[in-house]
Amino acid sequence: MNFNEIILWVIIGVNALVSYKGFNDQSFFRKYEFHIGSIRAGEQYRMFTSAFLHADIMHLIFNMLTLYFFAPVVIAFMGPLAFLLVYFVSLIAGSLLTLYFHKDDYWYRAIGASGAVTGVLYSSILLAPGMELTLYFILPLPAYVFGIGYLLYSIYGMKAKNDNIGHVAHFGGAIGGYAITLSREPHMLYDNTLMVILLTVPIIVLFYLAKTNKI
């Protein structure tokens, strides 16, 4: 196992261990989840720790599989340190956007690595716009369709409000991964102009819906 693989597996391992602890210890879960009231009372550490908790095993598996498939693309193009930068900037960006959207919802709770993972997903699509993935190991799908669809589904999740998954964090993470990648690889603006534009569509939709109070 090389250094790049070690970095990826350490992140996956930490997510798995912290999530497993949360599955079996409700007080631990409540102490480290994203909770607006607690964050505004001074527990800002939750903006970081909540990204290592998950709602259930399927939530954890989905996020870690997505990370496993797309992180190597970012590492291959930009190196392991840039990958870590994308991951953790996206994580924080996801938490900050969630705080912005829900700052007055003191009851609001959320968990999940989705912000960081979506940042890695968006970064990898910018770097390799032609790649495909196999959805459910059966259906071939262009990665950018998956990325855009993932965020559009997140808008549905925000409107439905029927779980405590951090759907807003998906957008913050996407913005973080998008910004870091373009800042390090500005030639993408010219080489992959169409993809740069397409990936902004769900983000623009989100802010339009928020501005018109439709979400």
C-alpha atoms as a PDB file:
ATOM      1  CA  MET A   1       0.000   0.000   0.000  1.00  0.00           C
ATOM      2  CA  ASN A   2       1.517   3.333  -1.063  1.00  0.00           C
ATOM      3  CA  PHE A   3       1.321   6.726   0.684  1.00  0.00           C
ATOM      4  CA  ASN A   4      -1.642   7.916  -1.387  1.00  0.00           C
ATOM      5  CA  GLU A   5      -3.664   4.827  -0.520  1.00  0.00           C
ATOM      6  CA  ILE A   6      -2.751   5.161   3.154  1.00  0.00           C
ATOM      7  CA  ILE A   7      -4.103   8.731   3.281  1.00  0.00           C
ATOM      8  CA  LEU A   8      -7.386   7.679   1.713  1.00  0.00           C
ATOM      9  CA  TRP A   9      -7.823   4.637   3.946  1.00  0.00           C
ATOM     10  CA  VAL A  10      -7.006   6.640   7.081  1.00  0.00           C
ATOM     11  CA  ILE A  11      -9.826   9.076   6.263  1.00  0.00           C
ATOM     12  CA  ILE A  12     -12.229   6.214   5.514  1.00  0.00           C
ATOM     13  CA  GLY A  13     -11.140   4.444   8.701  1.00  0.00           C
ATOM     14  CA  VAL A  14     -11.652   7.491  10.914  1.00  0.00           C
ATOM     15  CA  ASN A  15     -15.114   8.012   9.433  1.00  0.00           C
ATOM     16  CA  ALA A  16     -15.990   4.365  10.044  1.00  0.00           C
ATOM     17  CA  LEU A  17     -14.698   4.290  13.627  1.00  0.00           C
ATOM     18  CA  VAL A  18     -16.338   7.562  14.697  1.00  0.00           C
ATOM     19  CA  SER A  19     -19.605   6.630  12.995  1.00  0.00           C
ATOM     20  CA  TYR A  20     -19.608   3.174  14.618  1.00  0.00           C
ATOM     21  CA  LYS A  21     -19.083   4.800  18.016  1.00  0.00           C
ATOM     22  CA  GLY A  22     -22.010   7.115  17.273  1.00  0.00           C
ATOM     23  CA  PHE A  23     -24.246   4.209  16.217  1.00  0.00           C
ATOM     24  CA  ASN A  24     -23.759   2.606  19.623  1.00  0.00           C
ATOM     25  CA  ASP A  25     -23.432   5.609  21.933  1.00  0.00           C
ATOM     26  CA  GLN A  26     -26.237   8.158  21.778  1.00  0.00           C
ATOM     27  CA  SER A  27     -24.550  10.582  24.185  1.00  0.00           C
ATOM     28  CA  PHE A  28     -21.400  10.565  22.011  1.00  0.00           C
ATOM     29  CA  PHE A  29     -23.522  11.133  18.911  1.00  0.00           C
ATOM     30  CA  ARG A  30     -25.375  14.066  20.506  1.00  0.00           C
ATOM     31  CA  LYS A  31     -22.162  15.624  21.815  1.00  0.00           C
ATOM     32  CA  TYR A  32     -20.440  15.786  18.415  1.00  0.00           C
ATOM     33  CA  GLU A  33     -23.274  16.227  15.909  1.00  0.00           C
ATOM     34  CA  PHE A  34     -23.917  19.517  14.105  1.00  0.00           C
ATOM     35  CA  HIS A  35     -26.453  21.379  16.264  1.00  0.00           C
ATOM     36  CA  ILE A  36     -27.127  25.065  15.670  1.00  0.00           C
ATOM     37  CA  GLY A  37     -28.105  25.871  19.242  1.00  0.00           C
ATOM     38  CA  SER A  38     -24.940  24.281  20.649  1.00  0.00           C
ATOM     39  CA  ILE A  39     -22.690  25.841  18.009  1.00  0.00           C
ATOM     40  CA  ARG A  40     -24.076  29.310  18.673  1.00  0.00           C
ATOM     41  CA  ALA A  41     -23.551  28.669  22.386  1.00  0.00           C
ATOM     42  CA  GLY A  42     -19.821  28.226  21.725  1.00  0.00           C
ATOM     43  CA  GLU A  43     -19.339  24.586  20.684  1.00  0.00           C
ATOM     44  CA  GLN A  44     -17.862  25.337  17.266  1.00  0.00           C
ATOM     45  CA  TYR A  45     -15.947  22.044  17.268  1.00  0.00           C
ATOM     46  CA  ARG A  46     -19.211  20.409  16.169  1.00  0.00           C
ATOM     47  CA  MET A  47     -18.755  22.023  12.743  1.00  0.00           C
ATOM     48  CA  PHE A  48     -15.794  19.671  12.281  1.00  0.00           C
ATOM     49  CA  THR A  49     -16.666  16.574  14.296  1.00  0.00           C
ATOM     50  CA  SER A  50     -20.154  16.195  12.812  1.00  0.00           C
ATOM     51  CA  ALA A  51     -18.555  15.410   9.452  1.00  0.00           C
ATOM     52  CA  PHE A  52     -17.295  12.076  10.837  1.00  0.00           C
ATOM     53  CA  LEU A  53     -20.695  10.909  12.119  1.00  0.00           C
ATOM     54  CA  HIS A  54     -23.339   9.218   9.956  1.00  0.00           C
ATOM     55  CA  ALA A  55     -27.044   8.511  10.299  1.00  0.00           C
ATOM     56  CA  ASP A  56     -26.745   4.775   9.686  1.00  0.00           C
ATOM     57  CA  ILE A  57     -24.563   2.161   8.007  1.00  0.00           C
ATOM     58  CA  MET A  58     -25.980   2.842   4.526  1.00  0.00           C
ATOM     59  CA  HIS A  59     -25.291   6.582   4.859  1.00  0.00           C
ATOM     60  CA  LEU A  60     -21.703   5.756   5.851  1.00  0.00           C
ATOM     61  CA  ILE A  61     -21.206   3.218   3.043  1.00  0.00           C
ATOM     62  CA  PHE A  62     -22.601   5.555   0.372  1.00  0.00           C
ATOM     63  CA  ASN A  63     -20.301   8.412   1.402  1.00  0.00           C
ATOM     64  CA  MET A  64     -17.219   6.233   1.761  1.00  0.00           C
ATOM     65  CA  LEU A  65     -17.804   4.446  -1.554  1.00  0.00           C
ATOM     66  CA  THR A  66     -18.191   7.804  -3.306  1.00  0.00           C
ATOM     67  CA  LEU A  67     -14.963   8.972  -1.672  1.00  0.00           C
ATOM     68  CA  TYR A  68     -13.185   5.729  -2.582  1.00  0.00           C
ATOM     69  CA  PHE A  69     -14.094   6.071  -6.267  1.00  0.00           C
ATOM     70  CA  PHE A  70     -13.358   9.784  -6.721  1.00  0.00           C
ATOM     71  CA  ALA A  71     -10.518  10.596  -4.303  1.00  0.00           C
ATOM     72  CA  PRO A  72      -7.890   8.751  -6.425  1.00  0.00           C
ATOM     73  CA  VAL A  73      -8.678  11.068  -9.348  1.00  0.00           C
ATOM     74  CA  VAL A  74      -7.927  14.162  -7.269  1.00  0.00           C
ATOM     75  CA  ILE A  75      -4.800  12.563  -5.817  1.00  0.00           C
ATOM     76  CA  ALA A  76      -3.563  11.504  -9.269  1.00  0.00           C
ATOM     77  CA  PHE A  77      -4.012  14.980 -10.771  1.00  0.00           C
ATOM     78  CA  MET A  78      -3.047  17.247  -7.864  1.00  0.00           C
ATOM     79  CA  GLY A  79      -1.272  15.076  -5.295  1.00  0.00           C
ATOM     80  CA  PRO A  80      -2.157  13.881  -1.773  1.00  0.00           C
ATOM     81  CA  LEU A  81      -1.704  17.233  -0.026  1.00  0.00           C
ATOM     82  CA  ALA A  82      -4.024  18.978  -2.475  1.00  0.00           C
ATOM     83  CA  PHE A  83      -6.529  16.165  -1.940  1.00  0.00           C
ATOM     84  CA  LEU A  84      -6.431  16.763   1.820  1.00  0.00           C
ATOM     85  CA  LEU A  85      -6.881  20.486   1.181  1.00  0.00           C
ATOM     86  CA  VAL A  86      -9.938  19.826  -0.994  1.00  0.00           C
ATOM     87  CA  TYR A  87     -11.385  17.394   1.563  1.00  0.00           C
ATOM     88  CA  PHE A  88     -11.026  19.586   4.644  1.00  0.00           C
ATOM     89  CA  VAL A  89     -11.808  22.931   2.989  1.00  0.00           C
ATOM     90  CA  SER A  90     -14.950  21.339   1.564  1.00  0.00           C
ATOM     91  CA  LEU A  91     -15.816  19.961   5.006  1.00  0.00           C
ATOM     92  CA  ILE A  92     -15.555  23.408   6.610  1.00  0.00           C
ATOM     93  CA  ALA A  93     -17.301  25.121   3.682  1.00  0.00           C
ATOM     94  CA  GLY A  94     -20.182  22.681   4.070  1.00  0.00           C
ATOM     95  CA  SER A  95     -20.515  23.459   7.771  1.00  0.00           C
ATOM     96  CA  LEU A  96     -20.262  27.221   7.218  1.00  0.00           C
ATOM     97  CA  LEU A  97     -22.970  27.208   4.547  1.00  0.00           C
ATOM     98  CA  THR A  98     -25.185  25.087   6.785  1.00  0.00           C
ATOM     99  CA  LEU A  99     -24.693  27.551   9.622  1.00  0.00           C
ATOM    100  CA  TYR A 100     -25.536  30.422   7.278  1.00  0.00           C
ATOM    101  CA  PHE A 101     -28.748  28.786   6.034  1.00  0.00           C
ATOM    102  CA  HIS A 102     -29.922  27.626   9.449  1.00  0.00           C
ATOM    103  CA  LYS A 103     -28.442  30.201  11.821  1.00  0.00           C
ATOM    104  CA  ASP A 104     -31.828  30.959  13.378  1.00  0.00           C
ATOM    105  CA  ASP A 105     -33.038  27.340  13.482  1.00  0.00           C
ATOM    106  CA  TYR A 106     -31.678  26.531  16.927  1.00  0.00           C
ATOM    107  CA  TRP A 107     -33.131  23.017  16.765  1.00  0.00           C
ATOM    108  CA  TYR A 108     -31.409  22.122  13.471  1.00  0.00           C
ATOM    109  CA  ARG A 109     -29.171  19.032  13.572  1.00  0.00           C
ATOM    110  CA  ALA A 110     -27.083  17.371  10.849  1.00  0.00           C
ATOM    111  CA  ILE A 111     -24.290  14.868  10.406  1.00  0.00           C
ATOM    112  CA  GLY A 112     -22.250  13.282   7.633  1.00  0.00           C
ATOM    113  CA  ALA A 113     -19.097  13.540   5.536  1.00  0.00           C
ATOM    114  CA  SER A 114     -21.195  14.502   2.523  1.00  0.00           C
ATOM    115  CA  GLY A 115     -19.833  18.060   2.337  1.00  0.00           C
ATOM    116  CA  ALA A 116     -16.226  16.897   2.163  1.00  0.00           C
ATOM    117  CA  VAL A 117     -17.103  14.030  -0.176  1.00  0.00           C
ATOM    118  CA  THR A 118     -19.087  16.285  -2.529  1.00  0.00           C
ATOM    119  CA  GLY A 119     -16.107  18.649  -2.671  1.00  0.00           C
ATOM    120  CA  VAL A 120     -13.891  15.739  -3.753  1.00  0.00           C
ATOM    121  CA  LEU A 121     -16.555  14.648  -6.259  1.00  0.00           C
ATOM    122  CA  TYR A 122     -16.774  18.109  -7.814  1.00  0.00           C
ATOM    123  CA  SER A 123     -12.991  18.430  -7.910  1.00  0.00           C
ATOM    124  CA  SER A 124     -12.604  15.092  -9.675  1.00  0.00           C
ATOM    125  CA  ILE A 125     -15.264  15.949 -12.268  1.00  0.00           C
ATOM    126  CA  LEU A 126     -13.468  19.191 -13.101  1.00  0.00           C
ATOM    127  CA  LEU A 127     -10.164  17.354 -13.412  1.00  0.00           C
ATOM    128  CA  ALA A 128     -11.506  14.427 -15.464  1.00  0.00           C
ATOM    129  CA  PRO A 129     -14.804  15.534 -17.035  1.00  0.00           C
ATOM    130  CA  GLY A 130     -15.021  12.522 -19.332  1.00  0.00           C
ATOM    131  CA  MET A 131     -14.997   9.839 -16.652  1.00  0.00           C
ATOM    132  CA  GLU A 132     -17.930   7.536 -16.002  1.00  0.00           C
ATOM    133  CA  LEU A 133     -19.110   5.504 -13.037  1.00  0.00           C
ATOM    134  CA  THR A 134     -21.334   2.447 -12.823  1.00  0.00           C
ATOM    135  CA  LEU A 135     -24.400   3.210 -10.728  1.00  0.00           C
ATOM    136  CA  TYR A 136     -25.385   0.238  -8.564  1.00  0.00           C
ATOM    137  CA  PHE A 137     -22.628  -1.645 -10.441  1.00  0.00           C
ATOM    138  CA  ILE A 138     -24.997  -1.949 -13.442  1.00  0.00           C
ATOM    139  CA  LEU A 139     -25.847   1.399 -15.057  1.00  0.00           C
ATOM    140  CA  PRO A 140     -23.010   3.387 -16.735  1.00  0.00           C
ATOM    141  CA  LEU A 141     -23.394   7.071 -15.947  1.00  0.00           C
ATOM    142  CA  PRO A 142     -21.246  10.141 -16.757  1.00  0.00           C
ATOM    143  CA  ALA A 143     -19.741  11.392 -13.498  1.00  0.00           C
ATOM    144  CA  TYR A 144     -20.959  14.948 -14.041  1.00  0.00           C
ATOM    145  CA  VAL A 145     -24.569  13.692 -14.322  1.00  0.00           C
ATOM    146  CA  PHE A 146     -24.149  11.922 -10.989  1.00  0.00           C
ATOM    147  CA  GLY A 147     -22.613  15.048  -9.409  1.00  0.00           C
ATOM    148  CA  ILE A 148     -25.302  17.414 -10.621  1.00  0.00           C
ATOM    149  CA  GLY A 149     -28.062  14.911  -9.804  1.00  0.00           C
ATOM    150  CA  TYR A 150     -26.642  14.435  -6.315  1.00  0.00           C
ATOM    151  CA  LEU A 151     -26.975  18.147  -5.586  1.00  0.00           C
ATOM    152  CA  LEU A 152     -30.435  18.374  -7.126  1.00  0.00           C
ATOM    153  CA  TYR A 153     -31.497  15.491  -4.891  1.00  0.00           C
ATOM    154  CA  SER A 154     -30.048  17.428  -1.971  1.00  0.00           C
ATOM    155  CA  ILE A 155     -32.429  20.293  -2.764  1.00  0.00           C
ATOM    156  CA  TYR A 156     -35.274  17.791  -2.469  1.00  0.00           C
ATOM    157  CA  GLY A 157     -33.861  16.629   0.871  1.00  0.00           C
ATOM    158  CA  MET A 158     -33.703  20.205   2.126  1.00  0.00           C
ATOM    159  CA  LYS A 159     -37.324  20.784   1.157  1.00  0.00           C
ATOM    160  CA  ALA A 160     -38.574  17.459   2.549  1.00  0.00           C
ATOM    161  CA  LYS A 161     -36.801  17.863   5.916  1.00  0.00           C
ATOM    162  CA  ASN A 162     -37.384  14.213   6.744  1.00  0.00           C
ATOM    163  CA  ASP A 163     -33.880  13.270   7.948  1.00  0.00           C
ATOM    164  CA  ASN A 164     -30.883  14.800   9.723  1.00  0.00           C
ATOM    165  CA  ILE A 165     -28.453  14.387   6.816  1.00  0.00           C
ATOM    166  CA  GLY A 166     -26.577  17.631   6.093  1.00  0.00           C
ATOM    167  CA  HIS A 167     -28.003  18.362   2.653  1.00  0.00           C
ATOM    168  CA  VAL A 168     -26.928  22.035   2.744  1.00  0.00           C
ATOM    169  CA  ALA A 169     -23.393  20.843   3.448  1.00  0.00           C
ATOM    170  CA  HIS A 170     -23.376  19.116   0.044  1.00  0.00           C
ATOM    171  CA  PHE A 171     -23.538  22.524  -1.602  1.00  0.00           C
ATOM    172  CA  GLY A 172     -20.964  24.109   0.664  1.00  0.00           C
ATOM    173  CA  GLY A 173     -18.663  21.188  -0.034  1.00  0.00           C
ATOM    174  CA  ALA A 174     -19.245  21.429  -3.782  1.00  0.00           C
ATOM    175  CA  ILE A 175     -18.386  25.136  -3.688  1.00  0.00           C
ATOM    176  CA  GLY A 176     -15.247  24.393  -1.657  1.00  0.00           C
ATOM    177  CA  GLY A 177     -14.019  21.650  -3.983  1.00  0.00           C
ATOM    178  CA  TYR A 178     -14.913  23.708  -7.039  1.00  0.00           C
ATOM    179  CA  ALA A 179     -13.057  26.799  -5.776  1.00  0.00           C
ATOM    180  CA  ILE A 180      -9.922  24.985  -4.588  1.00  0.00           C
ATOM    181  CA  THR A 181      -9.593  23.038  -7.823  1.00  0.00           C
ATOM    182  CA  LEU A 182     -10.031  26.072 -10.069  1.00  0.00           C
ATOM    183  CA  SER A 183      -7.616  28.112  -7.959  1.00  0.00           C
ATOM    184  CA  ARG A 184      -4.949  25.419  -8.341  1.00  0.00           C
ATOM    185  CA  GLU A 185      -5.812  24.484 -11.935  1.00  0.00           C
ATOM    186  CA  PRO A 186      -7.095  27.741 -13.524  1.00  0.00           C
ATOM    187  CA  HIS A 187      -6.581  26.351 -17.033  1.00  0.00           C
ATOM    188  CA  MET A 188      -9.797  24.382 -16.420  1.00  0.00           C
ATOM    189  CA  LEU A 189     -11.696  27.587 -17.130  1.00  0.00           C
ATOM    190  CA  TYR A 190     -10.484  27.350 -20.732  1.00  0.00           C
ATOM    191  CA  ASP A 191      -9.950  23.606 -21.154  1.00  0.00           C
ATOM    192  CA  ASN A 192     -13.240  22.475 -19.586  1.00  0.00           C
ATOM    193  CA  THR A 193     -15.417  25.578 -19.902  1.00  0.00           C
ATOM    194  CA  LEU A 194     -18.672  23.689 -20.444  1.00  0.00           C
ATOM    195  CA  MET A 195     -18.126  21.516 -17.368  1.00  0.00           C
ATOM    196  CA  VAL A 196     -17.199  24.541 -15.258  1.00  0.00           C
ATOM    197  CA  ILE A 197     -20.534  26.114 -16.240  1.00  0.00           C
ATOM    198  CA  LEU A 198     -22.625  22.934 -15.866  1.00  0.00           C
ATOM    199  CA  LEU A 199     -21.391  22.284 -12.336  1.00  0.00           C
ATOM    200  CA  THR A 200     -22.594  25.715 -11.210  1.00  0.00           C
ATOM    201  CA  VAL A 201     -26.205  24.986 -12.261  1.00  0.00           C
ATOM    202  CA  PRO A 202     -27.430  23.252  -9.059  1.00  0.00           C
ATOM    203  CA  ILE A 203     -25.604  25.826  -6.915  1.00  0.00           C
ATOM    204  CA  ILE A 204     -27.342  28.677  -8.756  1.00  0.00           C
ATOM    205  CA  VAL A 205     -30.674  26.847  -8.396  1.00  0.00           C
ATOM    206  CA  LEU A 206     -30.147  26.541  -4.638  1.00  0.00           C
ATOM    207  CA  PHE A 207     -29.412  30.225  -4.114  1.00  0.00           C
ATOM    208  CA  TYR A 208     -32.302  31.237  -6.363  1.00  0.00           C
ATOM    209  CA  LEU A 209     -34.710  29.086  -4.348  1.00  0.00           C
ATOM    210  CA  ALA A 210     -33.293  30.463  -1.107  1.00  0.00           C
ATOM    211  CA  LYS A 211     -33.560  34.068  -2.288  1.00  0.00           C
ATOM    212  CA  THR A 212     -37.186  33.555  -3.371  1.00  0.00           C
ATOM    213  CA  ASN A 213     -38.017  31.758  -0.092  1.00  0.00           C
ATOM    214  CA  LYS A 214     -38.929  28.556  -1.888  1.00  0.00           C
ATOM    215  CA  ILE A 215     -36.643  26.422   0.255  1.00  0.00           C
END
